[in-house]
């Protein structure tokens, strides 16, 4: 769904001319649309990959259970530990 919305937005932003209220198909508007979509899609894919790594790839064992924890796990366990120390839970 996100890819579809990105495509529609890129098409509208590049090809629809709000000043005259018409769709303008020129080599420049089509090239602009393709460029924007390619870049948007690339960054979207990089975001998905980064999200996967941050949430799923073990960095180091921060709690001594013998399993490497992800960056998200490390952050959660660190904040939890600080809060427990602050409030003596």
PDB file of N, CA and C in Angstrom:
ATOM      1  N   UNK A   1       0.820  -1.190   0.000  1.00  0.00           N
ATOM      2  CA  UNK A   1       0.000   0.000   0.000  1.00  0.00           C
ATOM      3  C   UNK A   1       0.867   1.258   0.000  1.00  0.00           C
ATOM      4  N   UNK A   2       1.928   1.231   0.806  1.00  0.00           N
ATOM      5  CA  UNK A   2       2.816   2.384   0.871  1.00  0.00           C
ATOM      6  C   UNK A   2       3.478   2.684  -0.455  1.00  0.00           C
ATOM      7  N   UNK A   3       3.858   1.625  -1.165  1.00  0.00           N
ATOM      8  CA  UNK A   3       4.488   1.807  -2.477  1.00  0.00           C
ATOM      9  C   UNK A   3       3.490   2.436  -3.446  1.00  0.00           C
ATOM     10  N   UNK A   4       2.243   1.996  -3.381  1.00  0.00           N
ATOM     11  CA  UNK A   4       1.212   2.565  -4.252  1.00  0.00           C
ATOM     12  C   UNK A   4       0.982   4.036  -3.976  1.00  0.00           C
ATOM     13  N   UNK A   5       0.926   4.394  -2.693  1.00  0.00           N
ATOM     14  CA  UNK A   5       0.748   5.804  -2.333  1.00  0.00           C
ATOM     15  C   UNK A   5       1.942   6.642  -2.774  1.00  0.00           C
ATOM     16  N   UNK A   6       3.131   6.080  -2.628  1.00  0.00           N
ATOM     17  CA  UNK A   6       4.330   6.784  -3.084  1.00  0.00           C
ATOM     18  C   UNK A   6       4.275   7.024  -4.587  1.00  0.00           C
ATOM     19  N   UNK A   7       3.881   6.011  -5.331  1.00  0.00           N
ATOM     20  CA  UNK A   7       3.798   6.154  -6.788  1.00  0.00           C
ATOM     21  C   UNK A   7       2.780   7.222  -7.176  1.00  0.00           C
ATOM     22  N   UNK A   8       1.609   7.184  -6.546  1.00  0.00           N
ATOM     23  CA  UNK A   8       0.572   8.168  -6.859  1.00  0.00           C
ATOM     24  C   UNK A   8       1.051   9.580  -6.526  1.00  0.00           C
ATOM     25  N   UNK A   9       1.677   9.741  -5.371  1.00  0.00           N
ATOM     26  CA  UNK A   9       2.191  11.052  -4.962  1.00  0.00           C
ATOM     27  C   UNK A   9       3.257  11.552  -5.925  1.00  0.00           C
ATOM     28  N   UNK A  10       4.180  10.661  -6.315  1.00  0.00           N
ATOM     29  CA  UNK A  10       5.238  11.062  -7.252  1.00  0.00           C
ATOM     30  C   UNK A  10       4.656  11.464  -8.605  1.00  0.00           C
ATOM     31  N   UNK A  11       3.669  10.726  -9.068  1.00  0.00           N
ATOM     32  CA  UNK A  11       3.028  11.066 -10.347  1.00  0.00           C
ATOM     33  C   UNK A  11       2.343  12.428 -10.235  1.00  0.00           C
ATOM     34  N   UNK A  12       1.552  12.608  -9.197  1.00  0.00           N
ATOM     35  CA  UNK A  12       0.824  13.863  -9.018  1.00  0.00           C
ATOM     36  C   UNK A  12       1.779  15.045  -8.899  1.00  0.00           C
ATOM     37  N   UNK A  13       2.826  14.885  -8.064  1.00  0.00           N
ATOM     38  CA  UNK A  13       3.756  15.992  -7.833  1.00  0.00           C
ATOM     39  C   UNK A  13       4.520  16.401  -9.090  1.00  0.00           C
ATOM     40  N   UNK A  14       4.790  15.450  -9.961  1.00  0.00           N
ATOM     41  CA  UNK A  14       5.604  15.748 -11.138  1.00  0.00           C
ATOM     42  C   UNK A  14       4.804  16.052 -12.398  1.00  0.00           C
ATOM     43  N   UNK A  15       3.676  15.395 -12.570  1.00  0.00           N
ATOM     44  CA  UNK A  15       2.972  15.500 -13.840  1.00  0.00           C
ATOM     45  C   UNK A  15       1.780  16.448 -13.789  1.00  0.00           C
ATOM     46  N   UNK A  16       1.130  16.560 -12.643  1.00  0.00           N
ATOM     47  CA  UNK A  16      -0.033  17.445 -12.561  1.00  0.00           C
ATOM     48  C   UNK A  16       0.422  18.867 -12.273  1.00  0.00           C
ATOM     49  N   UNK A  17       0.034  19.796 -13.131  1.00  0.00           N
ATOM     50  CA  UNK A  17       0.382  21.202 -12.961  1.00  0.00           C
ATOM     51  C   UNK A  17      -0.811  21.920 -12.335  1.00  0.00           C
ATOM     52  N   UNK A  18      -0.685  22.251 -11.061  1.00  0.00           N
ATOM     53  CA  UNK A  18      -1.793  22.894 -10.341  1.00  0.00           C
ATOM     54  C   UNK A  18      -2.109  24.288 -10.875  1.00  0.00           C
ATOM     55  N   UNK A  19      -1.115  24.964 -11.420  1.00  0.00           N
ATOM     56  CA  UNK A  19      -1.335  26.324 -11.938  1.00  0.00           C
ATOM     57  C   UNK A  19      -2.342  26.349 -13.086  1.00  0.00           C
ATOM     58  N   UNK A  20      -2.278  25.340 -13.937  1.00  0.00           N
ATOM     59  CA  UNK A  20      -3.192  25.305 -15.082  1.00  0.00           C
ATOM     60  C   UNK A  20      -4.274  24.232 -14.918  1.00  0.00           C
ATOM     61  N   UNK A  21      -4.154  23.409 -13.866  1.00  0.00           N
ATOM     62  CA  UNK A  21      -5.153  22.377 -13.600  1.00  0.00           C
ATOM     63  C   UNK A  21      -5.168  21.250 -14.615  1.00  0.00           C
ATOM     64  N   UNK A  22      -3.999  20.927 -15.150  1.00  0.00           N
ATOM     65  CA  UNK A  22      -3.915  19.877 -16.165  1.00  0.00           C
ATOM     66  C   UNK A  22      -2.718  18.976 -15.921  1.00  0.00           C
ATOM     67  N   UNK A  23      -2.830  17.777 -16.487  1.00  0.00           N
ATOM     68  CA  UNK A  23      -1.709  16.840 -16.467  1.00  0.00           C
ATOM     69  C   UNK A  23      -0.787  17.193 -17.624  1.00  0.00           C
ATOM     70  N   UNK A  24       0.498  17.328 -17.352  1.00  0.00           N
ATOM     71  CA  UNK A  24       1.464  17.723 -18.374  1.00  0.00           C
ATOM     72  C   UNK A  24       2.479  16.591 -18.540  1.00  0.00           C
ATOM     73  N   UNK A  25       2.383  15.908 -19.685  1.00  0.00           N
ATOM     74  CA  UNK A  25       3.290  14.800 -19.979  1.00  0.00           C
ATOM     75  C   UNK A  25       4.395  15.279 -20.911  1.00  0.00           C
ATOM     76  N   UNK A  26       5.565  15.466 -20.346  1.00  0.00           N
ATOM     77  CA  UNK A  26       6.747  15.847 -21.126  1.00  0.00           C
ATOM     78  C   UNK A  26       7.874  14.920 -20.702  1.00  0.00           C
ATOM     79  N   UNK A  27       8.948  14.876 -21.477  1.00  0.00           N
ATOM     80  CA  UNK A  27      10.087  14.059 -21.036  1.00  0.00           C
ATOM     81  C   UNK A  27      10.578  14.464 -19.632  1.00  0.00           C
ATOM     82  N   UNK A  28      10.523  15.752 -19.325  1.00  0.00           N
ATOM     83  CA  UNK A  28      10.994  16.223 -18.015  1.00  0.00           C
ATOM     84  C   UNK A  28      10.086  15.749 -16.881  1.00  0.00           C
ATOM     85  N   UNK A  29       8.762  15.824 -17.080  1.00  0.00           N
ATOM     86  CA  UNK A  29       7.850  15.410 -16.005  1.00  0.00           C
ATOM     87  C   UNK A  29       7.896  13.893 -15.805  1.00  0.00           C
ATOM     88  N   UNK A  30       8.038  13.159 -16.887  1.00  0.00           N
ATOM     89  CA  UNK A  30       8.111  11.699 -16.779  1.00  0.00           C
ATOM     90  C   UNK A  30       9.429  11.279 -16.135  1.00  0.00           C
ATOM     91  N   UNK A  31      10.521  11.909 -16.546  1.00  0.00           N
ATOM     92  CA  UNK A  31      11.818  11.623 -15.933  1.00  0.00           C
ATOM     93  C   UNK A  31      11.805  11.975 -14.454  1.00  0.00           C
ATOM     94  N   UNK A  32      11.218  13.103 -14.113  1.00  0.00           N
ATOM     95  CA  UNK A  32      11.118  13.501 -12.706  1.00  0.00           C
ATOM     96  C   UNK A  32      10.333  12.487 -11.887  1.00  0.00           C
ATOM     97  N   UNK A  33       9.248  11.985 -12.454  1.00  0.00           N
ATOM     98  CA  UNK A  33       8.437  10.978 -11.775  1.00  0.00           C
ATOM     99  C   UNK A  33       9.237   9.698 -11.549  1.00  0.00           C
ATOM    100  N   UNK A  34       9.903   9.222 -12.585  1.00  0.00           N
ATOM    101  CA  UNK A  34      10.701   7.995 -12.465  1.00  0.00           C
ATOM    102  C   UNK A  34      11.848   8.156 -11.470  1.00  0.00           C
ATOM    103  N   UNK A  35      12.491   9.303 -11.500  1.00  0.00           N
ATOM    104  CA  UNK A  35      13.583   9.568 -10.560  1.00  0.00           C
ATOM    105  C   UNK A  35      13.068   9.575  -9.129  1.00  0.00           C
ATOM    106  N   UNK A  36      11.999  10.316  -8.886  1.00  0.00           N
ATOM    107  CA  UNK A  36      11.444  10.394  -7.528  1.00  0.00           C
ATOM    108  C   UNK A  36      11.014   9.018  -7.021  1.00  0.00           C
ATOM    109  N   UNK A  37      10.336   8.255  -7.881  1.00  0.00           N
ATOM    110  CA  UNK A  37       9.858   6.941  -7.463  1.00  0.00           C
ATOM    111  C   UNK A  37      11.022   6.003  -7.157  1.00  0.00           C
ATOM    112  N   UNK A  38      12.049   6.024  -7.986  1.00  0.00           N
ATOM    113  CA  UNK A  38      13.211   5.162  -7.767  1.00  0.00           C
ATOM    114  C   UNK A  38      13.889   5.492  -6.441  1.00  0.00           C
ATOM    115  N   UNK A  39      14.095   6.772  -6.174  1.00  0.00           N
ATOM    116  CA  UNK A  39      14.732   7.182  -4.925  1.00  0.00           C
ATOM    117  C   UNK A  39      13.848   6.842  -3.733  1.00  0.00           C
ATOM    118  N   UNK A  40      12.551   7.145  -3.820  1.00  0.00           N
ATOM    119  CA  UNK A  40      11.635   6.840  -2.723  1.00  0.00           C
ATOM    120  C   UNK A  40      11.599   5.345  -2.425  1.00  0.00           C
ATOM    121  N   UNK A  41      11.537   4.532  -3.474  1.00  0.00           N
ATOM    122  CA  UNK A  41      11.505   3.085  -3.306  1.00  0.00           C
ATOM    123  C   UNK A  41      12.814   2.569  -2.700  1.00  0.00           C
ATOM    124  N   UNK A  42      13.934   3.121  -3.135  1.00  0.00           N
ATOM    125  CA  UNK A  42      15.236   2.711  -2.604  1.00  0.00           C
ATOM    126  C   UNK A  42      15.359   3.018  -1.120  1.00  0.00           C
ATOM    127  N   UNK A  43      14.956   4.219  -0.736  1.00  0.00           N
ATOM    128  CA  UNK A  43      15.034   4.578   0.678  1.00  0.00           C
ATOM    129  C   UNK A  43      14.036   3.785   1.501  1.00  0.00           C
ATOM    130  N   UNK A  44      12.881   3.485   0.932  1.00  0.00           N
ATOM    131  CA  UNK A  44      11.913   2.646   1.632  1.00  0.00           C
ATOM    132  C   UNK A  44      12.468   1.260   1.893  1.00  0.00           C
ATOM    133  N   UNK A  45      13.125   0.686   0.880  1.00  0.00           N
ATOM    134  CA  UNK A  45      13.737  -0.633   1.044  1.00  0.00           C
ATOM    135  C   UNK A  45      14.859  -0.582   2.079  1.00  0.00           C
ATOM    136  N   UNK A  46      15.649   0.491   2.056  1.00  0.00           N
ATOM    137  CA  UNK A  46      16.734   0.635   3.050  1.00  0.00           C
ATOM    138  C   UNK A  46      16.148   0.736   4.448  1.00  0.00           C
ATOM    139  N   UNK A  47      14.993   1.401   4.563  1.00  0.00           N
ATOM    140  CA  UNK A  47      14.338   1.515   5.865  1.00  0.00           C
ATOM    141  C   UNK A  47      13.868   0.166   6.378  1.00  0.00           C
ATOM    142  N   UNK A  48      13.328  -0.654   5.493  1.00  0.00           N
ATOM    143  CA  UNK A  48      12.882  -1.993   5.879  1.00  0.00           C
ATOM    144  C   UNK A  48      14.076  -2.828   6.326  1.00  0.00           C
ATOM    145  N   UNK A  49      15.170  -2.749   5.584  1.00  0.00           N
ATOM    146  CA  UNK A  49      16.366  -3.505   5.938  1.00  0.00           C
ATOM    147  C   UNK A  49      16.930  -3.036   7.280  1.00  0.00           C
ATOM    148  N   UNK A  50      16.987  -1.729   7.478  1.00  0.00           N
ATOM    149  CA  UNK A  50      17.496  -1.187   8.744  1.00  0.00           C
ATOM    150  C   UNK A  50      16.603  -1.607   9.910  1.00  0.00           C
ATOM    151  N   UNK A  51      15.287  -1.571   9.704  1.00  0.00           N
ATOM    152  CA  UNK A  51      14.357  -1.999  10.745  1.00  0.00           C
ATOM    153  C   UNK A  51      14.597  -3.463  11.113  1.00  0.00           C
ATOM    154  N   UNK A  52      14.799  -4.299  10.110  1.00  0.00           N
ATOM    155  CA  UNK A  52      15.059  -5.717  10.366  1.00  0.00           C
ATOM    156  C   UNK A  52      16.326  -5.892  11.200  1.00  0.00           C
ATOM    157  N   UNK A  53      17.392  -5.217  10.808  1.00  0.00           N
ATOM    158  CA  UNK A  53      18.674  -5.339  11.516  1.00  0.00           C
ATOM    159  C   UNK A  53      18.537  -4.851  12.955  1.00  0.00           C
ATOM    160  N   UNK A  54      17.932  -3.702  13.140  1.00  0.00           N
ATOM    161  CA  UNK A  54      17.803  -3.114  14.484  1.00  0.00           C
ATOM    162  C   UNK A  54      16.977  -4.013  15.401  1.00  0.00           C
ATOM    163  N   UNK A  55      15.963  -4.667  14.849  1.00  0.00           N
ATOM    164  CA  UNK A  55      15.067  -5.481  15.664  1.00  0.00           C
ATOM    165  C   UNK A  55      15.465  -6.948  15.784  1.00  0.00           C
ATOM    166  N   UNK A  56      16.251  -7.469  14.853  1.00  0.00           N
ATOM    167  CA  UNK A  56      16.461  -8.915  14.808  1.00  0.00           C
ATOM    168  C   UNK A  56      17.903  -9.403  14.860  1.00  0.00           C
ATOM    169  N   UNK A  57      18.863  -8.578  14.552  1.00  0.00           N
ATOM    170  CA  UNK A  57      20.253  -9.041  14.516  1.00  0.00           C
ATOM    171  C   UNK A  57      20.890  -8.834  15.881  1.00  0.00           C
ATOM    172  N   UNK A  58      21.403  -9.932  16.451  1.00  0.00           N
ATOM    173  CA  UNK A  58      22.034  -9.866  17.758  1.00  0.00           C
ATOM    174  C   UNK A  58      23.359  -9.139  17.718  1.00  0.00           C
ATOM    175  N   UNK A  59      23.554  -8.254  18.684  1.00  0.00           N
ATOM    176  CA  UNK A  59      24.788  -7.485  18.771  1.00  0.00           C
ATOM    177  C   UNK A  59      25.696  -8.084  19.840  1.00  0.00           C
ATOM    178  N   UNK A  60      25.183  -8.110  21.065  1.00  0.00           N
ATOM    179  CA  UNK A  60      25.907  -8.733  22.169  1.00  0.00           C
ATOM    180  C   UNK A  60      24.912  -9.133  23.252  1.00  0.00           C
ATOM    181  N   UNK A  61      25.380  -9.968  24.162  1.00  0.00           N
ATOM    182  CA  UNK A  61      24.536 -10.458  25.244  1.00  0.00           C
ATOM    183  C   UNK A  61      24.554  -9.446  26.385  1.00  0.00           C
ATOM    184  N   UNK A  62      23.476  -8.681  26.508  1.00  0.00           N
ATOM    185  CA  UNK A  62      23.457  -7.638  27.538  1.00  0.00           C
ATOM    186  C   UNK A  62      22.878  -8.107  28.864  1.00  0.00           C
ATOM    187  N   UNK A  63      22.228  -9.272  28.886  1.00  0.00           N
ATOM    188  CA  UNK A  63      21.601  -9.718  30.129  1.00  0.00           C
ATOM    189  C   UNK A  63      22.154 -11.043  30.660  1.00  0.00           C
ATOM    190  N   UNK A  64      23.188 -11.553  30.020  1.00  0.00           N
ATOM    191  CA  UNK A  64      23.851 -12.749  30.518  1.00  0.00           C
ATOM    192  C   UNK A  64      23.088 -14.042  30.315  1.00  0.00           C
ATOM    193  N   UNK A  65      22.141 -14.066  29.375  1.00  0.00           N
ATOM    194  CA  UNK A  65      21.372 -15.290  29.160  1.00  0.00           C
ATOM    195  C   UNK A  65      21.980 -16.198  28.099  1.00  0.00           C
ATOM    196  N   UNK A  66      23.137 -15.810  27.557  1.00  0.00           N
ATOM    197  CA  UNK A  66      23.827 -16.611  26.565  1.00  0.00           C
ATOM    198  C   UNK A  66      23.398 -16.355  25.132  1.00  0.00           C
ATOM    199  N   UNK A  67      22.412 -15.465  24.920  1.00  0.00           N
ATOM    200  CA  UNK A  67      21.959 -15.135  23.573  1.00  0.00           C
ATOM    201  C   UNK A  67      22.270 -13.668  23.286  1.00  0.00           C
ATOM    202  N   UNK A  68      22.711 -13.402  22.057  1.00  0.00           N
ATOM    203  CA  UNK A  68      22.960 -12.018  21.664  1.00  0.00           C
ATOM    204  C   UNK A  68      21.632 -11.279  21.521  1.00  0.00           C
ATOM    205  N   UNK A  69      21.604 -10.058  22.018  1.00  0.00           N
ATOM    206  CA  UNK A  69      20.404  -9.237  21.966  1.00  0.00           C
ATOM    207  C   UNK A  69      20.507  -8.211  20.837  1.00  0.00           C
ATOM    208  N   UNK A  70      19.352  -7.869  20.249  1.00  0.00           N
ATOM    209  CA  UNK A  70      19.317  -6.859  19.187  1.00  0.00           C
ATOM    210  C   UNK A  70      19.463  -5.468  19.801  1.00  0.00           C
ATOM    211  N   UNK A  71      19.652  -4.472  18.957  1.00  0.00           N
ATOM    212  CA  UNK A  71      19.765  -3.089  19.437  1.00  0.00           C
ATOM    213  C   UNK A  71      18.500  -2.668  20.169  1.00  0.00           C
ATOM    214  N   UNK A  72      17.338  -3.089  19.674  1.00  0.00           N
ATOM    215  CA  UNK A  72      16.079  -2.762  20.334  1.00  0.00           C
ATOM    216  C   UNK A  72      15.997  -3.443  21.694  1.00  0.00           C
ATOM    217  N   UNK A  73      16.393  -4.713  21.757  1.00  0.00           N
ATOM    218  CA  UNK A  73      16.392  -5.426  23.036  1.00  0.00           C
ATOM    219  C   UNK A  73      17.329  -4.764  24.039  1.00  0.00           C
ATOM    220  N   UNK A  74      18.500  -4.372  23.575  1.00  0.00           N
ATOM    221  CA  UNK A  74      19.464  -3.700  24.463  1.00  0.00           C
ATOM    222  C   UNK A  74      18.864  -2.410  25.008  1.00  0.00           C
ATOM    223  N   UNK A  75      18.240  -1.615  24.134  1.00  0.00           N
ATOM    224  CA  UNK A  75      17.638  -0.351  24.574  1.00  0.00           C
ATOM    225  C   UNK A  75      16.519  -0.608  25.580  1.00  0.00           C
ATOM    226  N   UNK A  76      15.648  -1.563  25.297  1.00  0.00           N
ATOM    227  CA  UNK A  76      14.537  -1.859  26.200  1.00  0.00           C
ATOM    228  C   UNK A  76      15.036  -2.343  27.556  1.00  0.00           C
ATOM    229  N   UNK A  77      15.990  -3.258  27.533  1.00  0.00           N
ATOM    230  CA  UNK A  77      16.505  -3.801  28.789  1.00  0.00           C
ATOM    231  C   UNK A  77      17.264  -2.746  29.573  1.00  0.00           C
ATOM    232  N   UNK A  78      17.953  -1.848  28.884  1.00  0.00           N
ATOM    233  CA  UNK A  78      18.681  -0.771  29.562  1.00  0.00           C
ATOM    234  C   UNK A  78      17.722   0.200  30.238  1.00  0.00           C
ATOM    235  N   UNK A  79      16.696   0.621  29.526  1.00  0.00           N
ATOM    236  CA  UNK A  79      15.708   1.544  30.091  1.00  0.00           C
ATOM    237  C   UNK A  79      14.973   0.871  31.241  1.00  0.00           C
ATOM    238  N   UNK A  80      14.597  -0.386  31.066  1.00  0.00           N
ATOM    239  CA  UNK A  80      13.918  -1.129  32.123  1.00  0.00           C
ATOM    240  C   UNK A  80      14.783  -1.205  33.380  1.00  0.00           C
ATOM    241  N   UNK A  81      16.066  -1.455  33.192  1.00  0.00           N
ATOM    242  CA  UNK A  81      16.989  -1.538  34.327  1.00  0.00           C
ATOM    243  C   UNK A  81      17.109  -0.205  35.058  1.00  0.00           C
ATOM    244  N   UNK A  82      17.214   0.878  34.299  1.00  0.00           N
ATOM    245  CA  UNK A  82      17.317   2.209  34.899  1.00  0.00           C
ATOM    246  C   UNK A  82      16.044   2.539  35.682  1.00  0.00           C
ATOM    247  N   UNK A  83      14.887   2.248  35.099  1.00  0.00           N
ATOM    248  CA  UNK A  83      13.625   2.521  35.786  1.00  0.00           C
ATOM    249  C   UNK A  83      13.478   1.684  37.055  1.00  0.00           C
ATOM    250  N   UNK A  84      13.893   0.431  36.994  1.00  0.00           N
ATOM    251  CA  UNK A  84      13.826  -0.413  38.186  1.00  0.00           C
ATOM    252  C   UNK A  84      14.733   0.131  39.285  1.00  0.00           C
ATOM    253  N   UNK A  85      15.909   0.605  38.904  1.00  0.00           N
ATOM    254  CA  UNK A  85      16.833   1.189  39.887  1.00  0.00           C
ATOM    255  C   UNK A  85      16.276   2.494  40.451  1.00  0.00           C
ATOM    256  N   UNK A  86      15.668   3.306  39.623  1.00  0.00           N
ATOM    257  CA  UNK A  86      15.135   4.603  40.076  1.00  0.00           C
ATOM    258  C   UNK A  86      13.966   4.435  41.042  1.00  0.00           C
ATOM    259  N   UNK A  87      13.109   3.469  40.744  1.00  0.00           N
ATOM    260  CA  UNK A  87      11.887   3.337  41.535  1.00  0.00           C
ATOM    261  C   UNK A  87      11.915   2.125  42.462  1.00  0.00           C
ATOM    262  N   UNK A  88      13.072   1.466  42.541  1.00  0.00           N
ATOM    263  CA  UNK A  88      13.253   0.301  43.411  1.00  0.00           C
ATOM    264  C   UNK A  88      12.183  -0.777  43.183  1.00  0.00           C
ATOM    265  N   UNK A  89      11.908  -1.087  41.934  1.00  0.00           N
ATOM    266  CA  UNK A  89      10.908  -2.104  41.622  1.00  0.00           C
ATOM    267  C   UNK A  89      11.506  -3.469  41.766  1.00  0.00           C
TER     268      UNK A  89
END
